[in-house]
Amino acid sequence: MDQATDPDKTLIRAALQSTTYDSSDRDAQRPAKRQMLDAHKPLADDLPASEFVKMMHYYRECEQVTVTVNDTSYKLPKSLVCSESTFFNKAFNSGFLETEEQKLSLTECTTETFELVVQWVYRHKLTFDIATKKEKMVDLLFDFFKLADLLGLGGPFSTVISMLTTIFIDNGALLLPKHIRIAYQLPNNYDLRQLVAEACVSKYIRFLRKGGNSKIQKEMDACEGFKKDVLEGVAGALKSIETSYNSYVVRFTCPLTGDAIDL
């Protein structure tokens, strides 16, 4: 069935645009045009993943599958998860044991990461609790990309890339070697690899100029393709070099931020 006309997905998308109402609330019994939005009840789009998954009771009328992650079970609409994930589609529709039981266990991730996947499947958007520290957010986003690759989730993931870009522009030190390794273990995720390489260009240029120890150099030797991407970024940045003879300042343009950086 065409995803655009799938009745389950139509129901789900429509429900996500409304707020949560108690069935005993008198306002919930009014015709749709007369219902008032409750300012104290957030829209689904505003909820972090940990709160979003608590809304699953909205969709119990659909055919369900159960995914268990570290002893936590999630009941999800089969038609939706199978249309959004090639992994789930094969597991629940191809004659495996999971097809018969309509249950599956994932051991490759944490509940926090899987809840981001659930949020993405429903909304193609990720939202974090405002109290989430940026370091934790970066770790979760890279873990999300890793799990998304395993599950064959549909993209594009431009909004997630934008989230990481904003974080790295604000604080490039949050990009760690483990994140570089994750990015270069995902050969199909060009945008993530490009972001990681661009975030390392200015650091590597400073290393070439001033010497010292470089964690980037170590990863360039360890991660296939990373060295090539960084050096291409360096070559592009060096083409932008400007020299001020009066002040003896040499500047290049950072490919990530677009800022002029003094050497």
C-alpha atoms as a PDB file:
ATOM      1  CA  MET A   1       0.000   0.000   0.000  1.00  0.00           C
ATOM      2  CA  ASP A   2       1.260   3.492  -0.788  1.00  0.00           C
ATOM      3  CA  GLN A   3       2.541   5.134   2.415  1.00  0.00           C
ATOM      4  CA  ALA A   4       0.691   8.323   1.541  1.00  0.00           C
ATOM      5  CA  THR A   5      -2.680   6.518   1.651  1.00  0.00           C
ATOM      6  CA  ASP A   6      -1.972   4.058   4.485  1.00  0.00           C
ATOM      7  CA  PRO A   7      -4.948   4.521   6.873  1.00  0.00           C
ATOM      8  CA  ASP A   8      -2.848   3.613   9.925  1.00  0.00           C
ATOM      9  CA  LYS A   9      -0.255   6.265   9.123  1.00  0.00           C
ATOM     10  CA  THR A  10      -2.937   8.817   8.312  1.00  0.00           C
ATOM     11  CA  LEU A  11      -4.508   8.193  11.725  1.00  0.00           C
ATOM     12  CA  ILE A  12      -1.156   8.405  13.462  1.00  0.00           C
ATOM     13  CA  ARG A  13      -0.046  11.613  11.770  1.00  0.00           C
ATOM     14  CA  ALA A  14      -3.371  13.244  12.532  1.00  0.00           C
ATOM     15  CA  ALA A  15      -3.282  12.212  16.182  1.00  0.00           C
ATOM     16  CA  LEU A  16       0.174  13.649  16.651  1.00  0.00           C
ATOM     17  CA  GLN A  17      -1.100  17.116  15.816  1.00  0.00           C
ATOM     18  CA  SER A  18      -3.505  17.160  18.768  1.00  0.00           C
ATOM     19  CA  THR A  19      -2.980  17.415  22.517  1.00  0.00           C
ATOM     20  CA  THR A  20      -3.696  14.735  25.116  1.00  0.00           C
ATOM     21  CA  TYR A  21      -7.218  14.712  26.561  1.00  0.00           C
ATOM     22  CA  ASP A  22      -8.675  12.684  29.407  1.00  0.00           C
ATOM     23  CA  SER A  23     -11.610  10.691  28.010  1.00  0.00           C
ATOM     24  CA  SER A  24     -13.669  11.758  31.014  1.00  0.00           C
ATOM     25  CA  ASP A  25     -12.992  15.425  30.357  1.00  0.00           C
ATOM     26  CA  ARG A  26     -16.135  17.215  29.230  1.00  0.00           C
ATOM     27  CA  ASP A  27     -14.157  19.198  26.652  1.00  0.00           C
ATOM     28  CA  ALA A  28     -13.030  15.950  25.019  1.00  0.00           C
ATOM     29  CA  GLN A  29     -16.645  15.118  24.222  1.00  0.00           C
ATOM     30  CA  ARG A  30     -17.241  18.355  22.316  1.00  0.00           C
ATOM     31  CA  PRO A  31     -17.189  18.480  18.508  1.00  0.00           C
ATOM     32  CA  ALA A  32     -13.681  19.010  17.129  1.00  0.00           C
ATOM     33  CA  LYS A  33     -14.338  22.636  16.180  1.00  0.00           C
ATOM     34  CA  ARG A  34     -15.333  23.483  19.738  1.00  0.00           C
ATOM     35  CA  GLN A  35     -12.475  21.780  21.552  1.00  0.00           C
ATOM     36  CA  MET A  36     -10.006  24.149  23.173  1.00  0.00           C
ATOM     37  CA  LEU A  37      -6.267  23.495  23.394  1.00  0.00           C
ATOM     38  CA  ASP A  38      -5.073  23.076  26.965  1.00  0.00           C
ATOM     39  CA  ALA A  39      -2.035  25.323  27.388  1.00  0.00           C
ATOM     40  CA  HIS A  40      -0.721  23.051  30.137  1.00  0.00           C
ATOM     41  CA  LYS A  41      -0.659  19.924  27.934  1.00  0.00           C
ATOM     42  CA  PRO A  42       2.258  19.961  25.471  1.00  0.00           C
ATOM     43  CA  LEU A  43       1.933  18.957  21.841  1.00  0.00           C
ATOM     44  CA  ALA A  44       3.601  15.719  20.781  1.00  0.00           C
ATOM     45  CA  ASP A  45       6.163  17.701  18.787  1.00  0.00           C
ATOM     46  CA  ASP A  46       7.390  19.340  22.000  1.00  0.00           C
ATOM     47  CA  LEU A  47       7.924  16.135  23.989  1.00  0.00           C
ATOM     48  CA  PRO A  48      11.335  14.507  24.534  1.00  0.00           C
ATOM     49  CA  ALA A  49      11.601  10.864  23.465  1.00  0.00           C
ATOM     50  CA  SER A  50      11.241   9.518  27.013  1.00  0.00           C
ATOM     51  CA  GLU A  51       7.834  11.219  27.323  1.00  0.00           C
ATOM     52  CA  PHE A  52       6.774  10.640  23.722  1.00  0.00           C
ATOM     53  CA  VAL A  53       6.829   6.846  24.087  1.00  0.00           C
ATOM     54  CA  LYS A  54       4.240   7.117  26.869  1.00  0.00           C
ATOM     55  CA  MET A  55       1.700   8.176  24.215  1.00  0.00           C
ATOM     56  CA  MET A  56       1.611   4.738  22.606  1.00  0.00           C
ATOM     57  CA  HIS A  57      -1.876   4.111  23.999  1.00  0.00           C
ATOM     58  CA  TYR A  58      -3.162   6.330  21.194  1.00  0.00           C
ATOM     59  CA  TYR A  59      -2.426   3.612  18.648  1.00  0.00           C
ATOM     60  CA  ARG A  60      -3.601   0.395  20.295  1.00  0.00           C
ATOM     61  CA  GLU A  61      -6.425   0.083  17.761  1.00  0.00           C
ATOM     62  CA  CYS A  62      -3.819  -0.725  15.075  1.00  0.00           C
ATOM     63  CA  GLU A  63      -2.172  -4.132  14.611  1.00  0.00           C
ATOM     64  CA  GLN A  64       0.706  -4.172  17.087  1.00  0.00           C
ATOM     65  CA  VAL A  65       4.216  -5.603  17.243  1.00  0.00           C
ATOM     66  CA  THR A  66       6.349  -5.719  20.386  1.00  0.00           C
ATOM     67  CA  VAL A  67       9.997  -4.679  20.494  1.00  0.00           C
ATOM     68  CA  THR A  68      11.908  -5.351  23.713  1.00  0.00           C
ATOM     69  CA  VAL A  69      15.077  -3.464  24.639  1.00  0.00           C
ATOM     70  CA  ASN A  70      16.816  -4.307  27.916  1.00  0.00           C
ATOM     71  CA  ASP A  71      13.654  -5.643  29.582  1.00  0.00           C
ATOM     72  CA  THR A  72      11.558  -2.670  28.444  1.00  0.00           C
ATOM     73  CA  SER A  73       8.837  -3.546  25.911  1.00  0.00           C
ATOM     74  CA  TYR A  74       7.359  -1.177  23.346  1.00  0.00           C
ATOM     75  CA  LYS A  75       4.099  -1.933  21.535  1.00  0.00           C
ATOM     76  CA  LEU A  76       4.189  -0.238  18.141  1.00  0.00           C
ATOM     77  CA  PRO A  77       1.897  -0.086  15.081  1.00  0.00           C
ATOM     78  CA  LYS A  78       3.124  -2.787  12.718  1.00  0.00           C
ATOM     79  CA  SER A  79       2.270  -1.001   9.476  1.00  0.00           C
ATOM     80  CA  LEU A  80       4.161   2.101  10.569  1.00  0.00           C
ATOM     81  CA  VAL A  81       7.370   0.492  11.828  1.00  0.00           C
ATOM     82  CA  CYS A  82       7.518  -1.863   8.834  1.00  0.00           C
ATOM     83  CA  SER A  83       7.097   1.005   6.387  1.00  0.00           C
ATOM     84  CA  GLU A  84       9.823   3.037   8.111  1.00  0.00           C
ATOM     85  CA  SER A  85      12.376   0.252   8.752  1.00  0.00           C
ATOM     86  CA  THR A  86      13.641  -2.394   6.332  1.00  0.00           C
ATOM     87  CA  PHE A  87      14.887  -4.407   9.331  1.00  0.00           C
ATOM     88  CA  PHE A  88      11.469  -4.513  11.009  1.00  0.00           C
ATOM     89  CA  ASN A  89       9.729  -5.184   7.705  1.00  0.00           C
ATOM     90  CA  LYS A  90      11.879  -8.257   7.112  1.00  0.00           C
ATOM     91  CA  ALA A  91      11.580  -9.438  10.722  1.00  0.00           C
ATOM     92  CA  PHE A  92       7.803  -9.159  10.953  1.00  0.00           C
ATOM     93  CA  ASN A  93       6.811 -10.061   7.373  1.00  0.00           C
ATOM     94  CA  SER A  94       9.288 -12.647   6.076  1.00  0.00           C
ATOM     95  CA  GLY A  95       8.508 -15.948   7.792  1.00  0.00           C
ATOM     96  CA  PHE A  96      10.970 -15.665  10.673  1.00  0.00           C
ATOM     97  CA  LEU A  97      10.053 -16.604  14.235  1.00  0.00           C
ATOM     98  CA  GLU A  98       9.410 -12.898  14.852  1.00  0.00           C
ATOM     99  CA  THR A  99       6.804 -12.966  12.085  1.00  0.00           C
ATOM    100  CA  GLU A 100       4.851 -15.660  13.897  1.00  0.00           C
ATOM    101  CA  GLU A 101       5.153 -14.147  17.364  1.00  0.00           C
ATOM    102  CA  GLN A 102       5.159 -10.490  16.270  1.00  0.00           C
ATOM    103  CA  LYS A 103       7.813  -9.920  18.924  1.00  0.00           C
ATOM    104  CA  LEU A 104      11.474  -9.010  18.672  1.00  0.00           C
ATOM    105  CA  SER A 105      14.336  -8.297  21.088  1.00  0.00           C
ATOM    106  CA  LEU A 106      17.080  -5.767  20.389  1.00  0.00           C
ATOM    107  CA  THR A 107      20.350  -6.115  22.269  1.00  0.00           C
ATOM    108  CA  GLU A 108      22.420  -3.652  20.241  1.00  0.00           C
ATOM    109  CA  CYS A 109      21.191  -0.452  21.884  1.00  0.00           C
ATOM    110  CA  THR A 110      19.985   1.280  25.037  1.00  0.00           C
ATOM    111  CA  THR A 111      16.381   2.199  25.767  1.00  0.00           C
ATOM    112  CA  GLU A 112      17.299   5.886  25.410  1.00  0.00           C
ATOM    113  CA  THR A 113      18.552   5.356  21.876  1.00  0.00           C
ATOM    114  CA  PHE A 114      15.605   3.185  20.876  1.00  0.00           C
ATOM    115  CA  GLU A 115      13.166   5.784  22.162  1.00  0.00           C
ATOM    116  CA  LEU A 116      14.765   8.259  19.760  1.00  0.00           C
ATOM    117  CA  VAL A 117      14.117   5.740  16.977  1.00  0.00           C
ATOM    118  CA  VAL A 118      10.466   5.475  18.047  1.00  0.00           C
ATOM    119  CA  GLN A 119      10.182   9.243  17.992  1.00  0.00           C
ATOM    120  CA  TRP A 120      11.764   9.370  14.537  1.00  0.00           C
ATOM    121  CA  VAL A 121       9.465   6.669  13.147  1.00  0.00           C
ATOM    122  CA  TYR A 122       6.417   8.681  14.166  1.00  0.00           C
ATOM    123  CA  ARG A 123       7.619  12.206  13.478  1.00  0.00           C
ATOM    124  CA  HIS A 124      10.872  12.268  11.462  1.00  0.00           C
ATOM    125  CA  LYS A 125      12.074  14.675  14.136  1.00  0.00           C
ATOM    126  CA  LEU A 126      13.942  14.340  17.431  1.00  0.00           C
ATOM    127  CA  THR A 127      13.283  16.329  20.599  1.00  0.00           C
ATOM    128  CA  PHE A 128      15.323  16.256  23.791  1.00  0.00           C
ATOM    129  CA  ASP A 129      14.454  17.265  27.315  1.00  0.00           C
ATOM    130  CA  ILE A 130      15.649  20.816  27.906  1.00  0.00           C
ATOM    131  CA  ALA A 131      17.769  19.562  30.821  1.00  0.00           C
ATOM    132  CA  THR A 132      19.787  17.184  28.599  1.00  0.00           C
ATOM    133  CA  LYS A 133      23.448  18.167  28.603  1.00  0.00           C
ATOM    134  CA  LYS A 134      25.049  18.764  25.220  1.00  0.00           C
ATOM    135  CA  GLU A 135      27.643  16.034  25.842  1.00  0.00           C
ATOM    136  CA  LYS A 136      24.878  13.500  26.432  1.00  0.00           C
ATOM    137  CA  MET A 137      22.935  14.760  23.438  1.00  0.00           C
ATOM    138  CA  VAL A 138      25.907  14.282  21.109  1.00  0.00           C
ATOM    139  CA  ASP A 139      26.443  10.722  22.370  1.00  0.00           C
ATOM    140  CA  LEU A 140      22.766   9.895  21.858  1.00  0.00           C
ATOM    141  CA  LEU A 141      22.638  11.402  18.372  1.00  0.00           C
ATOM    142  CA  PHE A 142      25.620   9.365  17.193  1.00  0.00           C
ATOM    143  CA  ASP A 143      24.119   6.247  18.781  1.00  0.00           C
ATOM    144  CA  PHE A 144      20.867   7.104  16.992  1.00  0.00           C
ATOM    145  CA  PHE A 145      22.663   7.191  13.643  1.00  0.00           C
ATOM    146  CA  LYS A 146      24.284   3.842  14.403  1.00  0.00           C
ATOM    147  CA  LEU A 147      20.944   2.228  15.281  1.00  0.00           C
ATOM    148  CA  ALA A 148      19.194   3.909  12.354  1.00  0.00           C
ATOM    149  CA  ASP A 149      21.732   2.288  10.036  1.00  0.00           C
ATOM    150  CA  LEU A 150      21.173  -1.128  11.625  1.00  0.00           C
ATOM    151  CA  LEU A 151      17.387  -0.827  11.359  1.00  0.00           C
ATOM    152  CA  GLY A 152      17.410   0.626   7.858  1.00  0.00           C
ATOM    153  CA  LEU A 153      15.414   3.699   8.868  1.00  0.00           C
ATOM    154  CA  GLY A 154      14.188   6.051   6.201  1.00  0.00           C
ATOM    155  CA  GLY A 155      15.719   9.526   5.994  1.00  0.00           C
ATOM    156  CA  PRO A 156      16.745  12.083   5.110  1.00  0.00           C
ATOM    157  CA  PHE A 157      18.307  12.969   8.449  1.00  0.00           C
ATOM    158  CA  SER A 158      19.053  16.605   7.642  1.00  0.00           C
ATOM    159  CA  THR A 159      17.349  17.868  10.810  1.00  0.00           C
ATOM    160  CA  VAL A 160      19.540  15.627  12.967  1.00  0.00           C
ATOM    161  CA  ILE A 161      22.660  16.737  11.102  1.00  0.00           C
ATOM    162  CA  SER A 162      21.593  20.343  11.717  1.00  0.00           C
ATOM    163  CA  MET A 163      21.298  19.654  15.450  1.00  0.00           C
ATOM    164  CA  LEU A 164      24.842  18.295  15.573  1.00  0.00           C
ATOM    165  CA  THR A 165      26.172  21.118  13.403  1.00  0.00           C
ATOM    166  CA  THR A 166      24.759  23.716  15.787  1.00  0.00           C
ATOM    167  CA  ILE A 167      26.304  21.937  18.769  1.00  0.00           C
ATOM    168  CA  PHE A 168      29.760  21.639  17.165  1.00  0.00           C
ATOM    169  CA  ILE A 169      29.769  25.259  16.024  1.00  0.00           C
ATOM    170  CA  ASP A 170      29.107  26.253  19.618  1.00  0.00           C
ATOM    171  CA  ASN A 171      31.622  23.796  21.095  1.00  0.00           C
ATOM    172  CA  GLY A 172      33.809  21.762  18.763  1.00  0.00           C
ATOM    173  CA  ALA A 173      35.430  19.978  21.716  1.00  0.00           C
ATOM    174  CA  LEU A 174      32.286  17.862  22.066  1.00  0.00           C
ATOM    175  CA  LEU A 175      33.282  15.898  18.944  1.00  0.00           C
ATOM    176  CA  LEU A 176      35.263  12.973  20.347  1.00  0.00           C
ATOM    177  CA  PRO A 177      37.291  10.187  18.681  1.00  0.00           C
ATOM    178  CA  LYS A 178      34.505   7.687  19.423  1.00  0.00           C
ATOM    179  CA  HIS A 179      32.099   9.830  17.386  1.00  0.00           C
ATOM    180  CA  ILE A 180      34.516   9.902  14.458  1.00  0.00           C
ATOM    181  CA  ARG A 181      34.746   6.112  14.556  1.00  0.00           C
ATOM    182  CA  ILE A 182      30.953   5.733  14.573  1.00  0.00           C
ATOM    183  CA  ALA A 183      30.581   8.084  11.608  1.00  0.00           C
ATOM    184  CA  TYR A 184      33.128   6.174   9.546  1.00  0.00           C
ATOM    185  CA  GLN A 185      31.570   2.824  10.390  1.00  0.00           C
ATOM    186  CA  LEU A 186      28.473   4.020   8.496  1.00  0.00           C
ATOM    187  CA  PRO A 187      29.598   4.197   4.850  1.00  0.00           C
ATOM    188  CA  ASN A 188      26.135   5.143   3.584  1.00  0.00           C
ATOM    189  CA  ASN A 189      25.826   8.217   5.812  1.00  0.00           C
ATOM    190  CA  TYR A 190      27.720  10.748   3.718  1.00  0.00           C
ATOM    191  CA  ASP A 191      26.257  13.787   5.505  1.00  0.00           C
ATOM    192  CA  LEU A 192      27.430  12.623   8.933  1.00  0.00           C
ATOM    193  CA  ARG A 193      30.931  11.849   7.667  1.00  0.00           C
ATOM    194  CA  GLN A 194      31.117  15.229   5.947  1.00  0.00           C
ATOM    195  CA  LEU A 195      30.055  17.022   9.136  1.00  0.00           C
ATOM    196  CA  VAL A 196      32.643  15.179  11.219  1.00  0.00           C
ATOM    197  CA  ALA A 197      35.421  15.919   8.723  1.00  0.00           C
ATOM    198  CA  GLU A 198      34.519  19.612   8.467  1.00  0.00           C
ATOM    199  CA  ALA A 199      34.471  19.899  12.258  1.00  0.00           C
ATOM    200  CA  CYS A 200      38.067  18.615  12.321  1.00  0.00           C
ATOM    201  CA  VAL A 201      39.575  20.815   9.594  1.00  0.00           C
ATOM    202  CA  SER A 202      40.470  23.890  11.649  1.00  0.00           C
ATOM    203  CA  LYS A 203      41.848  21.711  14.470  1.00  0.00           C
ATOM    204  CA  TYR A 204      44.038  19.813  12.032  1.00  0.00           C
ATOM    205  CA  ILE A 205      45.352  22.990  10.380  1.00  0.00           C
ATOM    206  CA  ARG A 206      46.363  24.329  13.791  1.00  0.00           C
ATOM    207  CA  PHE A 207      48.059  20.993  14.509  1.00  0.00           C
ATOM    208  CA  LEU A 208      50.040  21.220  11.256  1.00  0.00           C
ATOM    209  CA  ARG A 209      51.135  24.749  12.097  1.00  0.00           C
ATOM    210  CA  LYS A 210      51.919  24.364  15.797  1.00  0.00           C
ATOM    211  CA  GLY A 211      52.668  20.652  16.179  1.00  0.00           C
ATOM    212  CA  GLY A 212      52.033  18.702  19.358  1.00  0.00           C
ATOM    213  CA  ASN A 213      49.731  15.748  19.862  1.00  0.00           C
ATOM    214  CA  SER A 214      46.670  15.297  17.684  1.00  0.00           C
ATOM    215  CA  LYS A 215      43.821  12.898  18.395  1.00  0.00           C
ATOM    216  CA  ILE A 216      42.619  13.659  14.883  1.00  0.00           C
ATOM    217  CA  GLN A 217      45.857  12.297  13.386  1.00  0.00           C
ATOM    218  CA  LYS A 218      45.342   9.017  15.239  1.00  0.00           C
ATOM    219  CA  GLU A 219      41.807   8.668  13.887  1.00  0.00           C
ATOM    220  CA  MET A 220      42.990   9.604  10.387  1.00  0.00           C
ATOM    221  CA  ASP A 221      45.250   6.569  10.502  1.00  0.00           C
ATOM    222  CA  ALA A 222      42.565   4.302  11.991  1.00  0.00           C
ATOM    223  CA  CYS A 223      39.345   5.236  10.142  1.00  0.00           C
ATOM    224  CA  GLU A 224      39.178   4.426   6.454  1.00  0.00           C
ATOM    225  CA  GLY A 225      38.139   7.472   4.450  1.00  0.00           C
ATOM    226  CA  PHE A 226      38.521   9.964   7.310  1.00  0.00           C
ATOM    227  CA  LYS A 227      42.018  11.081   6.308  1.00  0.00           C
ATOM    228  CA  LYS A 228      40.918  11.706   2.733  1.00  0.00           C
ATOM    229  CA  ASP A 229      37.893  13.748   3.823  1.00  0.00           C
ATOM    230  CA  VAL A 230      39.868  15.877   6.291  1.00  0.00           C
ATOM    231  CA  LEU A 231      42.683  16.568   3.816  1.00  0.00           C
ATOM    232  CA  GLU A 232      40.157  17.590   1.166  1.00  0.00           C
ATOM    233  CA  GLY A 233      38.647  19.967   3.708  1.00  0.00           C
ATOM    234  CA  VAL A 234      42.097  21.323   4.571  1.00  0.00           C
ATOM    235  CA  ALA A 235      42.885  21.891   0.896  1.00  0.00           C
ATOM    236  CA  GLY A 236      39.648  23.822   0.460  1.00  0.00           C
ATOM    237  CA  ALA A 237      40.291  25.904   3.572  1.00  0.00           C
ATOM    238  CA  LEU A 238      43.834  26.767   2.502  1.00  0.00           C
ATOM    239  CA  LYS A 239      42.504  28.137  -0.770  1.00  0.00           C
ATOM    240  CA  SER A 240      40.643  30.714   1.310  1.00  0.00           C
ATOM    241  CA  ILE A 241      43.786  31.992   3.051  1.00  0.00           C
ATOM    242  CA  GLU A 242      44.065  35.763   3.316  1.00  0.00           C
ATOM    243  CA  THR A 243      47.206  37.575   4.420  1.00  0.00           C
ATOM    244  CA  SER A 244      47.283  40.996   6.037  1.00  0.00           C
ATOM    245  CA  TYR A 245      50.779  42.386   5.496  1.00  0.00           C
ATOM    246  CA  ASN A 246      50.197  45.321   7.819  1.00  0.00           C
ATOM    247  CA  SER A 247      49.321  43.169  10.818  1.00  0.00           C
ATOM    248  CA  TYR A 248      51.145  39.997   9.767  1.00  0.00           C
ATOM    249  CA  VAL A 249      47.955  37.964  10.195  1.00  0.00           C
ATOM    250  CA  VAL A 250      47.124  34.888   8.110  1.00  0.00           C
ATOM    251  CA  ARG A 251      43.486  33.797   8.071  1.00  0.00           C
ATOM    252  CA  PHE A 252      41.537  30.906   6.583  1.00  0.00           C
ATOM    253  CA  THR A 253      37.813  30.169   6.441  1.00  0.00           C
ATOM    254  CA  CYS A 254      36.534  27.315   8.609  1.00  0.00           C
ATOM    255  CA  PRO A 255      34.346  25.027   6.438  1.00  0.00           C
ATOM    256  CA  LEU A 256      32.060  24.232   9.386  1.00  0.00           C
ATOM    257  CA  THR A 257      31.329  27.704  10.743  1.00  0.00           C
ATOM    258  CA  GLY A 258      32.242  29.941   7.814  1.00  0.00           C
ATOM    259  CA  ASP A 259      34.265  32.079  10.228  1.00  0.00           C
ATOM    260  CA  ALA A 260      37.674  33.563   9.429  1.00  0.00           C
ATOM    261  CA  ILE A 261      40.263  31.982  11.730  1.00  0.00           C
ATOM    262  CA  ASP A 262      43.717  33.382  12.444  1.00  0.00           C
ATOM    263  CA  LEU A 263      46.676  31.055  12.102  1.00  0.00           C
END
